[in-house]
Amino acid sequence: MVALIVGIVLVVASVLVCLPGVFGWWGDVLAFLRGMLPVLALLVGAVAILIGVADIKDKKEAEKEEKAEGAQEEKPAEK
């Protein structure tokens, strides 16, 4: 319950601080957002590359498993 109240207070305070005219920090907030965008784009791009590489590795592993299963099915059971 305390965490919920603190969260609501912080959200309201941050909205009030960001509103133009209250504290005059709107320009600073915009400068921060402009500066943050290239860094955020870099991080999102790096994560996307890592996910793509992992996906390619998973597909190769799945193909190897399918080939192994296919080889086992083709081989008749010896009695």
Protein backbone atom coordinates (compact mmCIF):
# COMPACT_ATOMS: atom_id res chain seq x y z
CA MET A 1 0.00 0.00 0.00
CA VAL A 2 2.85 2.36 0.85
CA ALA A 3 4.52 1.61 -2.49
CA LEU A 4 1.29 2.47 -4.33
CA ILE A 5 0.95 5.81 -2.53
CA VAL A 6 4.62 6.67 -3.10
CA GLY A 7 4.26 5.74 -6.77
CA ILE A 8 1.20 7.94 -7.22
CA VAL A 9 2.89 10.86 -5.46
CA LEU A 10 6.02 10.52 -7.64
CA VAL A 11 3.99 10.35 -10.87
CA VAL A 12 1.96 13.42 -9.92
CA ALA A 13 5.11 15.30 -8.88
CA SER A 14 6.91 14.43 -12.11
CA VAL A 15 3.93 15.54 -14.21
CA LEU A 16 3.75 18.84 -12.31
CA VAL A 17 7.49 19.42 -12.74
CA CYS A 18 7.27 18.70 -16.48
CA LEU A 19 4.34 21.03 -17.13
CA PRO A 20 5.40 24.25 -18.80
CA GLY A 21 5.22 27.22 -16.48
CA VAL A 22 5.17 25.48 -13.09
CA PHE A 23 8.90 25.06 -12.49
CA GLY A 24 10.12 25.98 -15.95
CA TRP A 25 11.84 22.63 -16.43
CA TRP A 26 10.05 21.79 -19.67
CA GLY A 27 13.06 22.88 -21.76
CA ASP A 28 15.34 20.69 -19.63
CA VAL A 29 12.99 17.74 -20.04
CA LEU A 30 12.95 18.18 -23.82
CA ALA A 31 16.75 18.46 -23.90
CA PHE A 32 17.02 15.25 -21.89
CA LEU A 33 14.61 13.44 -24.22
CA ARG A 34 16.52 14.65 -27.30
CA GLY A 35 19.79 13.49 -25.77
CA MET A 36 18.33 10.18 -24.67
CA LEU A 37 16.94 9.17 -28.08
CA PRO A 38 20.25 8.21 -29.75
CA VAL A 39 21.33 6.21 -26.69
CA LEU A 40 17.96 4.49 -26.51
CA ALA A 41 18.10 3.73 -30.23
CA LEU A 42 21.56 2.21 -29.76
CA LEU A 43 20.39 0.01 -26.90
CA VAL A 44 17.25 -1.14 -28.72
CA GLY A 45 19.31 -1.89 -31.83
CA ALA A 46 21.84 -3.92 -29.82
CA VAL A 47 19.07 -5.93 -28.19
CA ALA A 48 17.46 -6.54 -31.60
CA ILE A 49 20.78 -7.81 -32.97
CA LEU A 50 21.23 -10.14 -30.01
CA ILE A 51 17.69 -11.49 -30.41
CA GLY A 52 18.28 -12.02 -34.14
CA VAL A 53 21.54 -13.91 -33.54
CA ALA A 54 19.87 -16.08 -30.88
CA ASP A 55 16.99 -16.80 -33.27
CA ILE A 56 19.39 -17.89 -36.01
CA LYS A 57 21.22 -20.18 -33.57
CA ASP A 58 17.90 -21.69 -32.43
CA LYS A 59 16.85 -22.37 -36.03
CA LYS A 60 20.17 -24.09 -36.77
CA GLU A 61 19.84 -26.19 -33.63
CA ALA A 62 16.26 -27.15 -34.55
CA GLU A 63 17.42 -28.20 -38.04
CA LYS A 64 20.16 -30.36 -36.51
CA GLU A 65 17.62 -32.02 -34.21
CA GLU A 66 15.24 -32.66 -37.11
CA LYS A 67 18.04 -34.25 -39.13
CA ALA A 68 19.02 -36.41 -36.16
CA GLU A 69 15.40 -37.54 -35.65
CA GLY A 70 15.03 -38.22 -39.36
CA ALA A 71 18.19 -40.35 -39.38
CA GLN A 72 16.95 -42.36 -36.41
CA GLU A 73 13.56 -42.99 -38.05
CA GLU A 74 15.15 -44.12 -41.32
CA LYS A 75 17.38 -46.62 -39.55
CA PRO A 76 15.45 -49.90 -39.12
CA ALA A 77 15.49 -51.53 -35.71
CA GLU A 78 17.84 -54.49 -35.63
CA LYS A 79 16.60 -57.73 -34.11
